[in-house]
Amino acid sequence: MPATKILLPGYLFVDLQAPEQRFLRLILSDPKTLCETLRGNGFKDLEWVRSGVNSIDWECSSFTAIKTETRRSRNPSSLFLNIRGDGENRVTSFRVKLNIESIEETDPVVNLAGTAVEAFLLQVRWENASEIITKIRALEDFDIQNFGSHIQFMKEFGDPPRYNFLAFQIRKNVKKSPSETYFDRKLWFPLYLD
């Protein structure tokens, strides 16, 4: 029996130099609602306001100082929270910075950070939220990239200990400016030596 013949389009196996395609998961959650949720969880001063010179960007932020009974220093431990969004109801970045000035204040700072991150992960329906919260409470670094979204928790260098939780969209490949293209050595003609 002869082999079956199939007619295929002529360009099916031709390399058309198409850019790489990726599935992206946008953080499609109303950032203003997230700010209101966190305000209800004890983060005061969260007001949804326009940021910078670009009139489509918005943000809310909060600074919470944490003082324990046993410590009365000038620099109490603190937690900084910042949420940014665009004009299309998308969270473009979510940041929580933990400043632990005293070992006695570690638990209150970490618990407050866990509350903020948990509210964020629940609102955007992030898959393994409980694992992430467990790692934050253990002050364990991690870096996760899924479908165009990036979340990480990392310790800064130095003392006193400072940690950052960041969640943001991975930037799409932005077209380079003519000057950047000019200095990109990968685009230069190959060097031939005789």
N, C-alpha and C. Protein backbone atom coordinates (compact mmCIF):
# COMPACT_ATOMS: atom_id res chain seq x y z
N MET A 1 0.84 -1.18 0.00
CA MET A 1 0.00 0.00 0.00
C MET A 1 0.89 1.24 0.00
N PRO A 2 0.65 2.16 -0.92
CA PRO A 2 1.50 3.36 -1.00
C PRO A 2 1.22 4.31 0.18
N ALA A 3 2.26 5.09 0.54
CA ALA A 3 2.13 6.06 1.65
C ALA A 3 1.12 7.14 1.28
N THR A 4 0.42 7.63 2.29
CA THR A 4 -0.57 8.68 2.07
C THR A 4 0.15 10.00 1.83
N LYS A 5 -0.32 10.75 0.86
CA LYS A 5 0.28 12.05 0.56
C LYS A 5 -0.63 13.15 1.09
N ILE A 6 0.01 14.16 1.69
CA ILE A 6 -0.73 15.30 2.23
C ILE A 6 -0.18 16.57 1.60
N LEU A 7 -1.06 17.43 1.16
CA LEU A 7 -0.63 18.71 0.61
C LEU A 7 -0.57 19.73 1.75
N LEU A 8 0.58 20.37 1.90
CA LEU A 8 0.78 21.36 2.95
C LEU A 8 1.09 22.71 2.32
N PRO A 9 0.74 23.79 3.02
CA PRO A 9 1.08 25.11 2.49
C PRO A 9 2.59 25.26 2.35
N GLY A 10 3.02 25.98 1.33
CA GLY A 10 4.43 26.13 1.03
C GLY A 10 5.24 26.79 2.14
N TYR A 11 4.64 27.66 2.93
CA TYR A 11 5.37 28.40 3.96
C TYR A 11 5.29 27.75 5.35
N LEU A 12 4.78 26.53 5.45
CA LEU A 12 4.58 25.90 6.75
C LEU A 12 5.89 25.72 7.52
N PHE A 13 6.96 25.34 6.85
CA PHE A 13 8.23 25.08 7.54
C PHE A 13 9.26 26.17 7.31
N VAL A 14 8.85 27.29 6.81
CA VAL A 14 9.78 28.39 6.57
C VAL A 14 9.91 29.22 7.85
N ASP A 15 11.13 29.60 8.20
CA ASP A 15 11.34 30.46 9.37
C ASP A 15 11.00 31.89 8.96
N LEU A 16 9.90 32.39 9.46
CA LEU A 16 9.43 33.72 9.09
C LEU A 16 9.97 34.80 10.03
N GLN A 17 10.89 34.44 10.90
CA GLN A 17 11.49 35.39 11.84
C GLN A 17 10.44 36.07 12.71
N ALA A 18 9.44 35.32 13.11
CA ALA A 18 8.38 35.88 13.97
C ALA A 18 8.89 35.99 15.39
N PRO A 19 8.48 37.02 16.11
CA PRO A 19 8.91 37.13 17.51
C PRO A 19 8.33 36.00 18.35
N GLU A 20 9.05 35.64 19.41
CA GLU A 20 8.60 34.59 20.30
C GLU A 20 7.27 34.99 20.93
N GLN A 21 6.34 34.04 20.96
CA GLN A 21 5.02 34.30 21.53
C GLN A 21 4.96 33.64 22.90
N ARG A 22 4.38 34.37 23.88
CA ARG A 22 4.22 33.83 25.22
C ARG A 22 2.82 34.13 25.72
N PHE A 23 2.32 33.20 26.53
CA PHE A 23 1.05 33.42 27.18
C PHE A 23 1.31 34.29 28.40
N LEU A 24 0.60 35.39 28.53
CA LEU A 24 0.79 36.29 29.66
C LEU A 24 -0.44 36.30 30.54
N ARG A 25 -0.21 36.27 31.84
CA ARG A 25 -1.29 36.36 32.82
C ARG A 25 -1.24 37.74 33.42
N LEU A 26 -2.15 38.60 33.02
CA LEU A 26 -2.19 39.95 33.58
C LEU A 26 -2.82 39.91 34.96
N ILE A 27 -2.35 40.79 35.83
CA ILE A 27 -2.95 40.90 37.16
C ILE A 27 -4.18 41.78 37.01
N LEU A 28 -5.27 41.17 36.55
CA LEU A 28 -6.50 41.91 36.29
C LEU A 28 -7.34 41.98 37.56
N SER A 29 -7.00 42.90 38.38
CA SER A 29 -7.72 43.09 39.63
C SER A 29 -7.74 44.58 39.90
N ASP A 30 -8.86 45.06 40.32
CA ASP A 30 -9.00 46.49 40.55
C ASP A 30 -8.09 46.92 41.70
N PRO A 31 -7.04 47.69 41.42
CA PRO A 31 -6.11 48.09 42.48
C PRO A 31 -6.77 48.99 43.53
N LYS A 32 -7.76 49.76 43.12
CA LYS A 32 -8.45 50.63 44.08
C LYS A 32 -9.19 49.79 45.12
N THR A 33 -9.81 48.70 44.68
CA THR A 33 -10.49 47.80 45.61
C THR A 33 -9.49 47.13 46.54
N LEU A 34 -8.31 46.79 46.00
CA LEU A 34 -7.26 46.20 46.83
C LEU A 34 -6.83 47.18 47.92
N CYS A 35 -6.69 48.45 47.58
CA CYS A 35 -6.34 49.47 48.58
C CYS A 35 -7.40 49.55 49.66
N GLU A 36 -8.67 49.51 49.25
CA GLU A 36 -9.76 49.58 50.23
C GLU A 36 -9.78 48.34 51.12
N THR A 37 -9.52 47.17 50.55
CA THR A 37 -9.46 45.94 51.34
C THR A 37 -8.36 46.02 52.39
N LEU A 38 -7.19 46.50 51.99
CA LEU A 38 -6.07 46.59 52.91
C LEU A 38 -6.31 47.67 53.98
N ARG A 39 -7.00 48.74 53.60
CA ARG A 39 -7.34 49.77 54.60
C ARG A 39 -8.23 49.15 55.67
N GLY A 40 -9.13 48.26 55.26
CA GLY A 40 -9.99 47.56 56.22
C GLY A 40 -9.23 46.55 57.07
N ASN A 41 -8.04 46.13 56.62
CA ASN A 41 -7.21 45.18 57.38
C ASN A 41 -6.20 45.90 58.27
N GLY A 42 -6.35 47.20 58.48
CA GLY A 42 -5.48 47.90 59.42
C GLY A 42 -4.40 48.76 58.82
N PHE A 43 -4.35 48.87 57.51
CA PHE A 43 -3.35 49.74 56.87
C PHE A 43 -3.99 51.10 56.63
N LYS A 44 -3.63 52.05 57.47
CA LYS A 44 -4.25 53.36 57.36
C LYS A 44 -3.55 54.18 56.28
N ASP A 45 -4.11 55.30 55.97
CA ASP A 45 -3.56 56.26 55.01
C ASP A 45 -3.48 55.73 53.58
N LEU A 46 -4.22 54.68 53.25
CA LEU A 46 -4.22 54.18 51.88
C LEU A 46 -5.24 54.95 51.07
N GLU A 47 -4.78 55.91 50.32
CA GLU A 47 -5.65 56.71 49.45
C GLU A 47 -5.24 56.48 48.01
N TRP A 48 -6.19 56.23 47.15
CA TRP A 48 -5.95 55.97 45.73
C TRP A 48 -5.78 57.31 45.03
N VAL A 49 -4.55 57.65 44.62
CA VAL A 49 -4.25 58.95 44.02
C VAL A 49 -3.46 58.77 42.73
N ARG A 50 -3.53 59.78 41.88
CA ARG A 50 -2.72 59.77 40.65
C ARG A 50 -1.25 59.92 41.04
N SER A 51 -0.39 59.24 40.29
CA SER A 51 1.05 59.31 40.60
C SER A 51 1.82 59.83 39.41
N GLY A 52 2.86 60.58 39.70
CA GLY A 52 3.78 61.07 38.68
C GLY A 52 3.13 62.01 37.69
N VAL A 53 3.83 62.19 36.58
CA VAL A 53 3.36 63.10 35.55
C VAL A 53 2.38 62.42 34.59
N ASN A 54 2.40 61.09 34.57
CA ASN A 54 1.52 60.35 33.69
C ASN A 54 0.14 60.26 34.34
N SER A 55 -0.86 60.81 33.71
CA SER A 55 -2.18 60.90 34.32
C SER A 55 -2.93 59.57 34.36
N ILE A 56 -2.40 58.50 33.73
CA ILE A 56 -3.11 57.22 33.75
C ILE A 56 -2.62 56.31 34.88
N ASP A 57 -1.52 56.65 35.54
CA ASP A 57 -0.99 55.82 36.61
C ASP A 57 -1.53 56.27 37.96
N TRP A 58 -1.84 55.29 38.82
CA TRP A 58 -2.40 55.54 40.14
C TRP A 58 -1.61 54.74 41.16
N GLU A 59 -1.69 55.16 42.43
CA GLU A 59 -1.05 54.39 43.48
C GLU A 59 -1.66 54.70 44.83
N CYS A 60 -1.41 53.80 45.79
CA CYS A 60 -1.72 54.07 47.19
C CYS A 60 -0.58 53.47 48.00
N SER A 61 -0.26 54.11 49.12
CA SER A 61 0.83 53.62 49.95
C SER A 61 0.53 53.89 51.41
N SER A 62 1.21 53.10 52.25
CA SER A 62 1.00 53.21 53.69
C SER A 62 2.31 52.91 54.39
N PHE A 63 2.57 53.63 55.48
CA PHE A 63 3.74 53.38 56.33
C PHE A 63 3.23 53.11 57.73
N THR A 64 3.61 51.96 58.29
CA THR A 64 3.15 51.58 59.62
C THR A 64 4.36 51.35 60.51
N ALA A 65 4.50 52.14 61.56
CA ALA A 65 5.57 51.94 62.55
C ALA A 65 5.08 50.95 63.59
N ILE A 66 5.96 50.05 64.00
CA ILE A 66 5.60 49.02 64.97
C ILE A 66 6.49 49.17 66.20
N LYS A 67 5.86 49.49 67.31
CA LYS A 67 6.60 49.65 68.57
C LYS A 67 6.13 48.60 69.55
N THR A 68 7.08 47.95 70.20
CA THR A 68 6.73 46.99 71.25
C THR A 68 6.98 47.63 72.60
N GLU A 69 6.41 47.03 73.63
CA GLU A 69 6.54 47.56 74.99
C GLU A 69 7.99 47.54 75.47
N THR A 70 8.75 46.53 75.05
CA THR A 70 10.10 46.36 75.57
C THR A 70 11.13 47.27 74.90
N ARG A 71 10.76 47.90 73.81
CA ARG A 71 11.74 48.67 73.07
C ARG A 71 11.26 50.09 72.86
N ARG A 72 12.08 51.02 73.20
CA ARG A 72 11.72 52.42 73.03
C ARG A 72 12.87 53.16 72.34
N SER A 73 13.21 52.75 71.16
CA SER A 73 14.31 53.41 70.45
C SER A 73 13.76 54.46 69.49
N ARG A 74 14.67 55.20 68.92
CA ARG A 74 14.27 56.23 67.95
C ARG A 74 13.77 55.63 66.65
N ASN A 75 14.29 54.46 66.28
CA ASN A 75 13.92 53.84 65.02
C ASN A 75 13.10 52.57 65.25
N PRO A 76 11.78 52.70 65.31
CA PRO A 76 10.97 51.48 65.48
C PRO A 76 10.95 50.68 64.17
N SER A 77 10.66 49.42 64.29
CA SER A 77 10.48 48.59 63.09
C SER A 77 9.27 49.13 62.34
N SER A 78 9.23 48.84 61.04
CA SER A 78 8.14 49.39 60.24
C SER A 78 7.84 48.52 59.03
N LEU A 79 6.71 48.83 58.42
CA LEU A 79 6.30 48.16 57.21
C LEU A 79 5.79 49.21 56.23
N PHE A 80 6.31 49.17 55.01
CA PHE A 80 5.89 50.10 53.97
C PHE A 80 5.15 49.28 52.91
N LEU A 81 3.99 49.78 52.48
CA LEU A 81 3.15 49.10 51.51
C LEU A 81 2.88 50.05 50.35
N ASN A 82 3.05 49.58 49.11
CA ASN A 82 2.79 50.41 47.94
C ASN A 82 2.12 49.57 46.86
N ILE A 83 1.01 50.10 46.33
CA ILE A 83 0.28 49.44 45.24
C ILE A 83 0.19 50.43 44.09
N ARG A 84 0.54 49.98 42.90
CA ARG A 84 0.43 50.83 41.71
C ARG A 84 -0.49 50.16 40.70
N GLY A 85 -1.18 50.99 39.95
CA GLY A 85 -2.08 50.48 38.93
C GLY A 85 -2.13 51.41 37.74
N ASP A 86 -2.71 50.93 36.66
CA ASP A 86 -2.84 51.77 35.47
C ASP A 86 -4.29 52.18 35.27
N GLY A 87 -4.55 52.85 34.19
CA GLY A 87 -5.90 53.33 33.91
C GLY A 87 -6.85 52.24 33.45
N GLU A 88 -6.38 50.99 33.34
CA GLU A 88 -7.21 49.90 32.86
C GLU A 88 -7.55 48.90 33.96
N ASN A 89 -7.55 49.36 35.21
CA ASN A 89 -7.88 48.51 36.36
C ASN A 89 -6.97 47.30 36.49
N ARG A 90 -5.67 47.50 36.29
CA ARG A 90 -4.70 46.44 36.47
C ARG A 90 -3.71 46.85 37.54
N VAL A 91 -3.35 45.89 38.40
CA VAL A 91 -2.27 46.12 39.35
C VAL A 91 -0.97 45.97 38.57
N THR A 92 -0.18 47.04 38.51
CA THR A 92 1.10 46.95 37.80
C THR A 92 2.24 46.58 38.74
N SER A 93 2.11 46.92 40.04
CA SER A 93 3.10 46.47 41.01
C SER A 93 2.52 46.52 42.41
N PHE A 94 3.01 45.61 43.24
CA PHE A 94 2.60 45.52 44.64
C PHE A 94 3.88 45.29 45.43
N ARG A 95 4.15 46.16 46.41
CA ARG A 95 5.40 46.07 47.17
C ARG A 95 5.13 46.18 48.66
N VAL A 96 5.78 45.32 49.41
CA VAL A 96 5.77 45.39 50.87
C VAL A 96 7.22 45.36 51.33
N LYS A 97 7.63 46.38 52.08
CA LYS A 97 9.00 46.43 52.60
C LYS A 97 8.95 46.29 54.11
N LEU A 98 9.69 45.31 54.63
CA LEU A 98 9.76 45.04 56.05
C LEU A 98 11.08 45.59 56.59
N ASN A 99 11.02 46.45 57.59
CA ASN A 99 12.22 46.97 58.25
C ASN A 99 12.18 46.47 59.69
N ILE A 100 13.07 45.55 60.01
CA ILE A 100 13.08 44.95 61.35
C ILE A 100 14.26 45.53 62.12
N GLU A 101 13.97 46.48 62.99
CA GLU A 101 15.01 47.18 63.75
C GLU A 101 15.41 46.43 65.02
N SER A 102 14.54 45.53 65.50
CA SER A 102 14.80 44.79 66.73
C SER A 102 14.25 43.38 66.59
N ILE A 103 14.95 42.41 67.15
CA ILE A 103 14.51 41.01 67.06
C ILE A 103 13.13 40.83 67.70
N GLU A 104 12.87 41.57 68.77
CA GLU A 104 11.57 41.45 69.46
C GLU A 104 10.41 41.89 68.57
N GLU A 105 10.69 42.69 67.57
CA GLU A 105 9.63 43.21 66.71
C GLU A 105 9.46 42.41 65.42
N THR A 106 10.22 41.31 65.29
CA THR A 106 10.16 40.50 64.07
C THR A 106 8.76 39.95 63.83
N ASP A 107 8.18 39.30 64.83
CA ASP A 107 6.86 38.67 64.64
C ASP A 107 5.77 39.67 64.26
N PRO A 108 5.65 40.81 64.96
CA PRO A 108 4.60 41.75 64.54
C PRO A 108 4.79 42.26 63.10
N VAL A 109 6.04 42.51 62.70
CA VAL A 109 6.30 43.01 61.33
C VAL A 109 5.96 41.92 60.31
N VAL A 110 6.42 40.70 60.57
CA VAL A 110 6.19 39.60 59.63
C VAL A 110 4.70 39.27 59.54
N ASN A 111 4.00 39.29 60.66
CA ASN A 111 2.55 39.01 60.64
C ASN A 111 1.78 40.07 59.85
N LEU A 112 2.16 41.32 60.03
CA LEU A 112 1.50 42.40 59.28
C LEU A 112 1.79 42.27 57.78
N ALA A 113 3.04 41.93 57.44
CA ALA A 113 3.39 41.72 56.03
C ALA A 113 2.61 40.54 55.46
N GLY A 114 2.49 39.46 56.24
CA GLY A 114 1.73 38.29 55.79
C GLY A 114 0.27 38.64 55.53
N THR A 115 -0.30 39.50 56.36
CA THR A 115 -1.69 39.94 56.17
C THR A 115 -1.84 40.69 54.85
N ALA A 116 -0.90 41.60 54.56
CA ALA A 116 -0.95 42.39 53.32
C ALA A 116 -0.80 41.50 52.10
N VAL A 117 0.20 40.62 52.12
CA VAL A 117 0.46 39.76 50.96
C VAL A 117 -0.69 38.78 50.75
N GLU A 118 -1.23 38.25 51.84
CA GLU A 118 -2.35 37.32 51.72
C GLU A 118 -3.57 38.00 51.08
N ALA A 119 -3.86 39.23 51.49
CA ALA A 119 -4.98 39.97 50.88
C ALA A 119 -4.74 40.16 49.38
N PHE A 120 -3.51 40.49 49.01
CA PHE A 120 -3.16 40.67 47.59
C PHE A 120 -3.33 39.37 46.82
N LEU A 121 -2.74 38.28 47.32
CA LEU A 121 -2.79 37.00 46.62
C LEU A 121 -4.21 36.46 46.49
N LEU A 122 -5.03 36.67 47.51
CA LEU A 122 -6.42 36.23 47.43
C LEU A 122 -7.20 37.04 46.41
N GLN A 123 -6.96 38.34 46.36
CA GLN A 123 -7.71 39.17 45.41
C GLN A 123 -7.34 38.86 43.97
N VAL A 124 -6.06 38.62 43.71
CA VAL A 124 -5.67 38.33 42.32
C VAL A 124 -5.74 36.83 42.01
N ARG A 125 -6.20 36.03 43.00
CA ARG A 125 -6.40 34.59 42.84
C ARG A 125 -5.11 33.87 42.44
N TRP A 126 -4.03 34.18 43.15
CA TRP A 126 -2.74 33.53 42.88
C TRP A 126 -2.82 32.09 43.38
N GLU A 127 -2.25 31.18 42.62
CA GLU A 127 -2.46 29.76 42.87
C GLU A 127 -1.94 29.27 44.23
N ASN A 128 -0.69 29.28 44.49
CA ASN A 128 -0.13 28.68 45.70
C ASN A 128 0.08 29.73 46.79
N ALA A 129 -0.96 30.44 47.14
CA ALA A 129 -0.86 31.55 48.10
C ALA A 129 -0.40 31.08 49.47
N SER A 130 -0.88 29.94 49.96
CA SER A 130 -0.51 29.50 51.31
C SER A 130 0.98 29.18 51.40
N GLU A 131 1.57 28.61 50.36
CA GLU A 131 3.01 28.32 50.35
C GLU A 131 3.81 29.62 50.41
N ILE A 132 3.36 30.62 49.67
CA ILE A 132 4.06 31.90 49.64
C ILE A 132 4.00 32.57 51.01
N ILE A 133 2.84 32.57 51.65
CA ILE A 133 2.69 33.16 52.98
C ILE A 133 3.58 32.44 53.99
N THR A 134 3.65 31.11 53.91
CA THR A 134 4.51 30.33 54.80
C THR A 134 5.97 30.74 54.64
N LYS A 135 6.41 30.93 53.40
CA LYS A 135 7.80 31.34 53.16
C LYS A 135 8.08 32.74 53.69
N ILE A 136 7.12 33.64 53.54
CA ILE A 136 7.31 35.00 54.05
C ILE A 136 7.40 34.97 55.58
N ARG A 137 6.52 34.22 56.22
CA ARG A 137 6.54 34.15 57.69
C ARG A 137 7.84 33.52 58.20
N ALA A 138 8.48 32.67 57.38
CA ALA A 138 9.77 32.07 57.73
C ALA A 138 10.94 32.94 57.26
N LEU A 139 10.65 34.09 56.65
CA LEU A 139 11.66 34.99 56.08
C LEU A 139 12.58 34.25 55.11
N GLU A 140 11.99 33.43 54.26
CA GLU A 140 12.72 32.63 53.28
C GLU A 140 12.61 33.27 51.90
N ASP A 141 13.75 33.54 51.27
CA ASP A 141 13.77 34.15 49.94
C ASP A 141 13.15 33.22 48.90
N PHE A 142 12.46 33.81 47.91
CA PHE A 142 11.97 33.06 46.77
C PHE A 142 11.82 34.00 45.58
N ASP A 143 11.75 33.41 44.40
CA ASP A 143 11.60 34.16 43.16
C ASP A 143 10.79 33.30 42.20
N ILE A 144 9.56 33.72 41.89
CA ILE A 144 8.65 32.92 41.06
C ILE A 144 8.23 33.75 39.85
N GLN A 145 8.34 33.14 38.67
CA GLN A 145 7.87 33.78 37.44
C GLN A 145 6.89 32.83 36.76
N ASN A 146 5.66 33.28 36.59
CA ASN A 146 4.62 32.47 35.95
C ASN A 146 3.82 33.32 34.99
N PHE A 147 3.76 32.90 33.75
CA PHE A 147 2.89 33.50 32.74
C PHE A 147 2.98 35.02 32.70
N GLY A 148 4.18 35.56 32.78
CA GLY A 148 4.36 37.00 32.65
C GLY A 148 4.24 37.76 33.95
N SER A 149 3.93 37.09 35.05
CA SER A 149 3.89 37.72 36.36
C SER A 149 5.10 37.28 37.16
N HIS A 150 5.60 38.16 37.98
CA HIS A 150 6.82 37.89 38.74
C HIS A 150 6.58 38.27 40.19
N ILE A 151 6.79 37.34 41.11
CA ILE A 151 6.73 37.68 42.53
C ILE A 151 8.02 37.19 43.18
N GLN A 152 8.49 37.97 44.13
CA GLN A 152 9.72 37.59 44.82
C GLN A 152 9.73 38.16 46.23
N PHE A 153 10.49 37.50 47.08
CA PHE A 153 10.71 37.95 48.45
C PHE A 153 12.20 37.80 48.69
N MET A 154 12.85 38.89 49.08
CA MET A 154 14.30 38.80 49.25
C MET A 154 14.77 39.72 50.37
N LYS A 155 15.86 39.31 50.98
CA LYS A 155 16.49 40.08 52.04
C LYS A 155 17.49 41.04 51.41
N GLU A 156 17.51 42.27 51.89
CA GLU A 156 18.50 43.24 51.45
C GLU A 156 19.80 42.98 52.20
N PHE A 157 20.91 43.46 51.65
CA PHE A 157 22.19 43.34 52.33
C PHE A 157 22.26 44.32 53.49
N GLY A 158 22.96 43.94 54.55
CA GLY A 158 23.22 44.85 55.65
C GLY A 158 22.32 44.62 56.85
N ASP A 159 22.60 45.41 57.87
CA ASP A 159 21.83 45.39 59.12
C ASP A 159 21.29 46.76 59.37
N PRO A 160 20.16 46.93 59.99
CA PRO A 160 19.23 45.90 60.44
C PRO A 160 18.57 45.19 59.26
N PRO A 161 17.97 44.02 59.50
CA PRO A 161 17.38 43.25 58.40
C PRO A 161 16.22 43.99 57.73
N ARG A 162 16.25 43.99 56.42
CA ARG A 162 15.18 44.56 55.62
C ARG A 162 14.83 43.55 54.53
N TYR A 163 13.53 43.39 54.29
CA TYR A 163 13.05 42.43 53.29
C TYR A 163 12.07 43.14 52.36
N ASN A 164 12.01 42.66 51.13
CA ASN A 164 11.08 43.21 50.13
C ASN A 164 10.27 42.09 49.51
N PHE A 165 8.96 42.29 49.48
CA PHE A 165 8.08 41.43 48.69
C PHE A 165 7.64 42.27 47.50
N LEU A 166 7.84 41.75 46.30
CA LEU A 166 7.47 42.47 45.08
C LEU A 166 6.63 41.56 44.19
N ALA A 167 5.59 42.11 43.62
CA ALA A 167 4.78 41.42 42.61
C ALA A 167 4.54 42.41 41.48
N PHE A 168 4.86 42.00 40.26
CA PHE A 168 4.70 42.92 39.13
C PHE A 168 4.61 42.15 37.83
N GLN A 169 4.19 42.85 36.79
CA GLN A 169 4.14 42.27 35.45
C GLN A 169 5.53 42.36 34.83
N ILE A 170 5.94 41.28 34.18
CA ILE A 170 7.21 41.30 33.46
C ILE A 170 7.01 42.16 32.22
N ARG A 171 7.93 43.08 32.02
CA ARG A 171 7.79 44.00 30.88
C ARG A 171 7.89 43.25 29.57
N LYS A 172 7.04 43.64 28.65
CA LYS A 172 7.11 43.07 27.31
C LYS A 172 8.38 43.59 26.65
N ASN A 173 8.81 42.87 25.63
CA ASN A 173 9.99 43.34 24.91
C ASN A 173 9.68 44.68 24.27
N VAL A 174 10.34 45.69 24.76
CA VAL A 174 10.13 47.04 24.25
C VAL A 174 11.11 47.28 23.11
N LYS A 175 10.61 47.87 22.06
CA LYS A 175 11.46 48.16 20.91
C LYS A 175 12.57 49.11 21.33
N LYS A 176 13.79 48.78 20.94
CA LYS A 176 14.94 49.60 21.32
C LYS A 176 14.95 50.91 20.54
N SER A 177 15.48 51.92 21.18
CA SER A 177 15.64 53.21 20.50
C SER A 177 16.77 53.07 19.49
N PRO A 178 16.85 53.97 18.51
CA PRO A 178 17.93 53.89 17.51
C PRO A 178 19.32 53.89 18.14
N SER A 179 19.51 54.66 19.22
CA SER A 179 20.84 54.69 19.83
C SER A 179 21.17 53.37 20.52
N GLU A 180 20.17 52.73 21.16
CA GLU A 180 20.42 51.43 21.78
C GLU A 180 20.73 50.38 20.72
N THR A 181 20.02 50.44 19.60
CA THR A 181 20.26 49.50 18.51
C THR A 181 21.66 49.69 17.95
N TYR A 182 22.10 50.93 17.81
CA TYR A 182 23.42 51.23 17.27
C TYR A 182 24.51 50.59 18.12
N PHE A 183 24.36 50.60 19.44
CA PHE A 183 25.40 50.09 20.33
C PHE A 183 25.21 48.62 20.70
N ASP A 184 24.21 47.95 20.13
CA ASP A 184 24.00 46.53 20.40
C ASP A 184 24.96 45.72 19.53
N ARG A 185 25.98 45.13 20.16
CA ARG A 185 27.01 44.40 19.41
C ARG A 185 26.48 43.18 18.68
N LYS A 186 25.35 42.63 19.13
CA LYS A 186 24.78 41.46 18.45
C LYS A 186 24.30 41.82 17.05
N LEU A 187 24.06 43.10 16.79
CA LEU A 187 23.56 43.51 15.47
C LEU A 187 24.67 43.99 14.55
N TRP A 188 25.90 44.00 15.04
CA TRP A 188 27.02 44.44 14.20
C TRP A 188 27.37 43.37 13.18
N PHE A 189 27.98 43.78 12.07
CA PHE A 189 28.46 42.82 11.10
C PHE A 189 29.59 42.01 11.73
N PRO A 190 29.70 40.75 11.35
CA PRO A 190 30.77 39.93 11.94
C PRO A 190 32.15 40.46 11.57
N LEU A 191 33.08 40.29 12.48
CA LEU A 191 34.44 40.76 12.28
C LEU A 191 35.24 39.65 11.60
N TYR A 192 35.77 39.96 10.41
CA TYR A 192 36.58 38.97 9.68
C TYR A 192 38.03 39.40 9.75
N LEU A 193 38.87 38.49 10.21
CA LEU A 193 40.32 38.76 10.27
C LEU A 193 40.99 37.92 9.20
N ASP A 194 41.87 38.56 8.43
CA ASP A 194 42.60 37.81 7.39
C ASP A 194 43.89 37.28 7.92
